[in-house]
């Protein structure tokens, strides 16, 4: 949730090597390979050295399946992706494969005003407890999907967010135990019709239009969410630039708080809030969310 417009300038989360590489990503295989390289770069940043495992959801013909993304190839999941799955030893050929949203949640929980600078830019007091609402699941679109603006005369804004993906059924879980119930993390946007939002006391309608929740492309199942650079680029220009260490309520606290109010199911997602620097979108825009260690989420505006 956000109100202001502008950009923060800080160092890029990606090295020049990766910046140059992004220009060359013209094929599906190259995109998948780039996701793996991002994961490899993230391994170097984390002292615990755990392997970054990217899980995606794909479609080939009528077949929809989960798969692990490794070095530009995908290996189908055998068994329950939220259980203890194994993976096929031979990769699936990429010809005809389409990337879908990485999960199909029963609900989308969105958190508002969770970065102090964002709350201040909107003239709002810092929340004493997490502020959350629900978004329609029909608002989801995958990486590469097109965002549609329902009312061109309204102001409609981008909002980059780190997204938590739940892996186990949970209720009344403490922050200390929350990580056991988290499947992983992915990138998201909480596109918002600001004109409607500012005219109503609740925000579900303003944020639930079809295509208003870009998500993906993959879920990173082994990463530390507490110190990740998060950026949004609009037509190549840096608009949002922050770090998840600046969250007022961190990921584990959010999962715990939401679980004290309702049951969370495998595949449910929690959007953790957006940093300052949000701004309006228009037809023809290219929006890219970059979160450290995660594959980039790229969408265009119809």
Protein backbone atom coordinates (compact mmCIF):
# COMPACT_ATOMS: atom_id res chain seq x y z
CA UNK A 1 0.00 0.00 0.00
CA UNK A 2 1.39 3.40 -0.87
CA UNK A 3 0.57 7.00 -1.60
CA UNK A 4 3.57 9.02 -2.76
CA UNK A 5 5.65 9.06 -5.90
CA UNK A 6 9.36 9.33 -6.48
CA UNK A 7 12.47 7.28 -6.28
CA UNK A 8 15.26 6.48 -3.88
CA UNK A 9 18.77 6.38 -5.20
CA UNK A 10 21.12 3.81 -3.78
CA UNK A 11 23.47 1.19 -5.06
CA UNK A 12 22.04 -1.42 -7.41
CA UNK A 13 21.43 -4.84 -5.92
CA UNK A 14 22.96 -6.48 -9.00
CA UNK A 15 26.55 -6.33 -10.16
CA UNK A 16 27.46 -4.75 -13.55
CA UNK A 17 28.03 -8.26 -14.84
CA UNK A 18 24.40 -9.12 -14.30
CA UNK A 19 23.23 -5.74 -15.62
CA UNK A 20 24.97 -6.46 -18.91
CA UNK A 21 23.66 -10.00 -18.95
CA UNK A 22 20.06 -8.88 -18.69
CA UNK A 23 20.27 -7.16 -22.06
CA UNK A 24 21.10 -10.50 -23.67
CA UNK A 25 18.18 -12.48 -22.27
CA UNK A 26 16.30 -13.09 -25.50
CA UNK A 27 15.36 -16.74 -25.19
CA UNK A 28 13.41 -18.81 -22.68
CA UNK A 29 16.48 -20.87 -21.91
CA UNK A 30 18.51 -17.74 -21.26
CA UNK A 31 15.88 -16.46 -18.83
CA UNK A 32 15.92 -19.71 -16.89
CA UNK A 33 19.72 -19.75 -16.87
CA UNK A 34 19.77 -16.19 -15.59
CA UNK A 35 17.52 -17.19 -12.68
CA UNK A 36 20.02 -19.87 -11.75
CA UNK A 37 22.91 -17.41 -11.93
CA UNK A 38 21.05 -15.05 -9.64
CA UNK A 39 20.66 -17.87 -7.15
CA UNK A 40 24.37 -18.61 -7.42
CA UNK A 41 25.19 -14.98 -6.74
CA UNK A 42 22.93 -15.03 -3.68
CA UNK A 43 24.75 -18.09 -2.29
CA UNK A 44 27.92 -16.03 -2.17
CA UNK A 45 26.15 -13.36 -0.11
CA UNK A 46 24.79 -15.67 2.59
CA UNK A 47 27.23 -16.99 5.21
CA UNK A 48 25.17 -20.14 5.83
CA UNK A 49 25.90 -21.20 2.21
CA UNK A 50 22.65 -23.09 1.66
CA UNK A 51 21.72 -24.01 -1.88
CA UNK A 52 19.11 -21.79 -3.50
CA UNK A 53 16.33 -23.99 -4.85
CA UNK A 54 14.02 -22.33 -7.37
CA UNK A 55 10.62 -23.96 -7.89
CA UNK A 56 8.34 -22.90 -10.72
CA UNK A 57 4.98 -23.88 -12.12
CA UNK A 58 4.73 -24.52 -15.84
CA UNK A 59 2.37 -25.57 -18.60
CA UNK A 60 3.12 -27.65 -21.66
CA UNK A 61 0.05 -28.31 -23.78
CA UNK A 62 -2.67 -29.38 -21.36
CA UNK A 63 -0.15 -30.52 -18.75
CA UNK A 64 0.44 -28.22 -15.75
CA UNK A 65 3.30 -29.16 -13.43
CA UNK A 66 5.80 -27.94 -10.85
CA UNK A 67 9.49 -28.16 -11.60
CA UNK A 68 12.87 -27.26 -10.15
CA UNK A 69 14.88 -24.72 -12.15
CA UNK A 70 18.56 -25.66 -12.40
CA UNK A 71 21.11 -24.02 -14.70
CA UNK A 72 18.58 -23.10 -17.37
CA UNK A 73 16.75 -26.44 -17.28
CA UNK A 74 13.60 -27.59 -15.51
CA UNK A 75 13.16 -30.92 -13.70
CA UNK A 76 9.60 -32.00 -12.95
CA UNK A 77 8.47 -32.51 -9.38
CA UNK A 78 7.44 -36.02 -8.39
CA UNK A 79 4.96 -36.04 -5.51
CA UNK A 80 3.57 -33.16 -3.45
CA UNK A 81 5.59 -30.00 -4.01
CA UNK A 82 4.68 -28.89 -0.47
CA UNK A 83 5.67 -32.26 1.01
CA UNK A 84 8.93 -34.11 0.40
CA UNK A 85 9.07 -34.28 -3.37
CA UNK A 86 11.68 -35.82 -5.60
CA UNK A 87 12.54 -34.69 -9.10
CA UNK A 88 12.85 -36.34 -12.47
CA UNK A 89 16.46 -36.94 -13.44
CA UNK A 90 16.00 -35.84 -17.05
CA UNK A 91 15.03 -32.23 -17.77
CA UNK A 92 11.81 -31.37 -19.57
CA UNK A 93 12.36 -29.91 -23.02
CA UNK A 94 11.62 -26.21 -22.96
CA UNK A 95 9.93 -26.03 -26.36
CA UNK A 96 6.28 -25.14 -25.84
CA UNK A 97 6.68 -24.59 -22.09
CA UNK A 98 4.92 -21.59 -20.56
CA UNK A 99 5.71 -20.14 -17.13
CA UNK A 100 2.65 -19.75 -14.86
CA UNK A 101 2.28 -18.10 -11.48
CA UNK A 102 4.43 -20.23 -9.16
CA UNK A 103 1.51 -21.17 -6.88
CA UNK A 104 -2.30 -21.11 -6.89
CA UNK A 105 -3.23 -19.62 -3.50
CA UNK A 106 -6.56 -19.99 -1.76
CA UNK A 107 -6.08 -16.40 -0.58
CA UNK A 108 -3.82 -13.40 -1.07
CA UNK A 109 -3.03 -11.51 2.13
CA UNK A 110 -1.64 -8.02 1.55
CA UNK A 111 0.20 -6.00 4.20
CA UNK A 112 0.09 -2.20 4.24
CA UNK A 113 2.40 0.53 5.57
CA UNK A 114 5.18 -1.89 6.48
CA UNK A 115 8.11 0.36 5.53
CA UNK A 116 8.54 3.43 7.73
CA UNK A 117 9.57 5.75 4.87
CA UNK A 118 6.55 4.68 2.86
CA UNK A 119 4.22 5.40 5.77
CA UNK A 120 5.85 8.82 6.20
CA UNK A 121 5.59 9.70 2.50
CA UNK A 122 1.86 9.03 2.72
CA UNK A 123 1.48 11.05 5.90
CA UNK A 124 0.38 7.99 7.84
CA UNK A 125 1.35 7.01 11.39
CA UNK A 126 3.45 3.89 11.82
CA UNK A 127 1.20 0.89 12.51
CA UNK A 128 1.32 -0.68 15.96
CA UNK A 129 0.40 -4.05 14.51
CA UNK A 130 0.34 -5.38 10.92
CA UNK A 131 -2.41 -3.94 8.75
CA UNK A 132 -3.74 -6.51 6.31
CA UNK A 133 -6.55 -7.10 3.83
CA UNK A 134 -7.38 -9.61 1.09
CA UNK A 135 -6.88 -9.38 -2.66
CA UNK A 136 -8.87 -11.42 -5.16
CA UNK A 137 -6.98 -14.45 -6.46
CA UNK A 138 -8.30 -13.58 -9.92
CA UNK A 139 -5.94 -10.58 -9.86
CA UNK A 140 -2.90 -12.87 -10.33
CA UNK A 141 -0.81 -12.84 -13.50
CA UNK A 142 2.56 -14.53 -14.14
CA UNK A 143 5.93 -13.15 -15.11
CA UNK A 144 5.54 -11.74 -18.62
CA UNK A 145 1.82 -11.08 -18.17
CA UNK A 146 0.27 -7.76 -19.14
CA UNK A 147 -1.22 -5.39 -16.59
CA UNK A 148 -4.51 -3.80 -17.64
CA UNK A 149 -5.63 -0.41 -16.36
CA UNK A 150 -9.44 -0.57 -15.97
CA UNK A 151 -9.94 3.19 -15.66
CA UNK A 152 -7.36 5.14 -17.69
CA UNK A 153 -8.53 8.41 -16.15
CA UNK A 154 -7.60 7.13 -12.66
CA UNK A 155 -4.13 7.15 -11.15
CA UNK A 156 -2.86 3.56 -10.99
CA UNK A 157 0.45 2.85 -9.21
CA UNK A 158 3.15 0.17 -9.14
CA UNK A 159 4.20 -1.38 -5.82
CA UNK A 160 7.12 -3.83 -5.63
CA UNK A 161 6.90 -6.36 -2.79
CA UNK A 162 8.59 -9.44 -1.38
CA UNK A 163 6.03 -12.23 -1.20
CA UNK A 164 5.93 -15.05 1.36
CA UNK A 165 4.65 -18.44 0.15
CA UNK A 166 3.14 -20.70 2.82
CA UNK A 167 4.13 -24.37 2.71
CA UNK A 168 2.09 -26.00 5.50
CA UNK A 169 -1.35 -25.58 7.02
CA UNK A 170 -0.93 -23.32 10.01
CA UNK A 171 -2.83 -21.57 12.78
CA UNK A 172 -1.58 -19.68 15.86
CA UNK A 173 2.13 -20.09 15.11
CA UNK A 174 4.76 -18.06 16.97
CA UNK A 175 7.35 -15.94 15.14
CA UNK A 176 10.06 -18.31 16.35
CA UNK A 177 8.32 -21.25 14.63
CA UNK A 178 7.12 -19.40 11.54
CA UNK A 179 10.01 -20.40 9.26
CA UNK A 180 8.95 -24.06 9.52
CA UNK A 181 5.70 -23.19 7.75
CA UNK A 182 7.16 -21.05 4.96
CA UNK A 183 7.69 -22.72 1.58
CA UNK A 184 9.76 -19.85 0.19
CA UNK A 185 9.73 -16.37 -1.26
CA UNK A 186 8.97 -14.78 -4.62
CA UNK A 187 8.53 -11.35 -6.17
CA UNK A 188 5.19 -9.59 -6.52
CA UNK A 189 3.49 -6.32 -7.29
CA UNK A 190 0.44 -4.87 -5.58
CA UNK A 191 -0.91 -2.72 -8.42
CA UNK A 192 -3.30 -0.14 -6.98
CA UNK A 193 -5.99 2.14 -8.36
CA UNK A 194 -5.10 5.08 -6.15
CA UNK A 195 -8.17 7.10 -7.12
CA UNK A 196 -10.50 4.41 -5.80
CA UNK A 197 -8.28 3.64 -2.82
CA UNK A 198 -8.27 7.23 -1.63
CA UNK A 199 -12.07 7.46 -1.94
CA UNK A 200 -12.89 4.37 0.16
CA UNK A 201 -12.23 3.20 3.70
CA UNK A 202 -11.11 -0.27 2.61
CA UNK A 203 -8.73 -1.17 -0.19
CA UNK A 204 -9.82 -4.55 -1.55
CA UNK A 205 -11.59 -3.13 -4.61
CA UNK A 206 -8.77 -0.76 -5.51
CA UNK A 207 -6.24 -3.59 -5.48
CA UNK A 208 -8.20 -6.59 -6.78
CA UNK A 209 -8.84 -5.80 -10.43
CA UNK A 210 -7.82 -8.52 -12.87
CA UNK A 211 -4.03 -8.43 -13.53
CA UNK A 212 -3.31 -6.34 -10.39
CA UNK A 213 -1.08 -8.97 -8.73
CA UNK A 214 1.91 -9.96 -10.88
CA UNK A 215 3.69 -12.87 -9.18
CA UNK A 216 6.81 -14.94 -9.79
CA UNK A 217 8.50 -16.22 -11.75
CA UNK A 218 9.79 -18.80 -9.24
CA UNK A 219 9.75 -19.49 -5.51
CA UNK A 220 13.15 -19.53 -3.83
CA UNK A 221 12.81 -22.13 -1.10
CA UNK A 222 16.07 -21.48 0.73
CA UNK A 223 16.87 -17.84 1.36
CA UNK A 224 17.12 -15.45 4.28
CA UNK A 225 14.33 -12.87 3.81
CA UNK A 226 15.59 -10.39 6.39
CA UNK A 227 18.28 -8.57 4.39
CA UNK A 228 17.36 -8.50 0.71
CA UNK A 229 17.65 -5.51 -1.61
CA UNK A 230 14.33 -4.79 -3.32
CA UNK A 231 14.04 -2.56 -6.38
CA UNK A 232 11.56 -1.61 -9.06
CA UNK A 233 12.52 -0.31 -12.48
CA UNK A 234 10.03 1.49 -14.71
CA UNK A 235 11.18 1.57 -18.33
CA UNK A 236 14.74 1.05 -17.09
CA UNK A 237 14.58 3.85 -14.50
CA UNK A 238 15.06 3.00 -10.83
CA UNK A 239 11.90 4.01 -8.94
CA UNK A 240 11.97 1.99 -5.70
CA UNK A 241 15.10 0.98 -3.82
CA UNK A 242 15.09 -0.44 -0.31
CA UNK A 243 16.03 -3.45 1.79
CA UNK A 244 13.80 -5.91 3.63
CA UNK A 245 15.75 -5.15 6.82
CA UNK A 246 13.68 -1.94 6.82
CA UNK A 247 10.38 -3.78 7.24
CA UNK A 248 8.53 -2.65 10.36
CA UNK A 249 7.26 -6.22 10.87
CA UNK A 250 9.57 -8.87 9.44
CA UNK A 251 8.42 -11.94 7.53
CA UNK A 252 8.26 -14.25 10.53
CA UNK A 253 6.29 -11.70 12.55
CA UNK A 254 3.85 -11.24 9.68
CA UNK A 255 3.26 -14.96 9.24
CA UNK A 256 2.69 -15.35 12.97
CA UNK A 257 0.31 -12.40 13.18
CA UNK A 258 -1.80 -13.47 10.22
CA UNK A 259 -1.96 -17.04 11.56
CA UNK A 260 -3.40 -15.82 14.86
CA UNK A 261 -6.36 -14.44 12.92
CA UNK A 262 -7.00 -17.11 10.29
CA UNK A 263 -5.82 -20.46 8.96
CA UNK A 264 -3.18 -20.35 6.25
CA UNK A 265 -2.95 -23.16 3.71
CA UNK A 266 -0.13 -24.43 1.49
CA UNK A 267 0.27 -22.08 -1.46
CA UNK A 268 -1.28 -19.07 0.28
CA UNK A 269 0.74 -15.89 -0.16
CA UNK A 270 1.45 -12.84 1.97
CA UNK A 271 2.59 -9.62 0.25
CA UNK A 272 4.86 -7.98 2.82
CA UNK A 273 4.37 -4.33 1.88
CA UNK A 274 6.02 -1.89 -0.50
CA UNK A 275 8.86 0.60 0.07
CA UNK A 276 8.69 4.29 -0.67
CA UNK A 277 9.03 5.58 -4.22
CA UNK A 278 5.81 4.30 -5.74
CA UNK A 279 4.41 6.04 -8.79
CA UNK A 280 1.86 5.93 -11.60
CA UNK A 281 1.90 3.55 -14.55
CA UNK A 282 0.70 4.09 -18.09
CA UNK A 283 0.11 2.07 -21.23
CA UNK A 284 3.36 0.78 -22.75
CA UNK A 285 5.33 0.75 -19.49
CA UNK A 286 7.76 -2.05 -18.70
CA UNK A 287 7.95 -2.82 -14.98
CA UNK A 288 10.67 -4.97 -13.45
CA UNK A 289 10.94 -6.08 -9.82
CA UNK A 290 14.40 -7.14 -8.73
CA UNK A 291 14.86 -8.74 -5.32
CA UNK A 292 18.28 -9.95 -4.29
CA UNK A 293 18.71 -13.67 -4.95
CA UNK A 294 15.37 -14.02 -6.79
CA UNK A 295 14.72 -14.15 -10.52
CA UNK A 296 13.40 -10.81 -11.85
CA UNK A 297 9.66 -10.32 -12.31
CA UNK A 298 8.92 -8.45 -15.54
CA UNK A 299 5.51 -7.24 -16.71
CA UNK A 300 4.27 -4.72 -19.22
CA UNK A 301 1.25 -2.42 -19.10
CA UNK A 302 -1.36 -2.90 -21.81
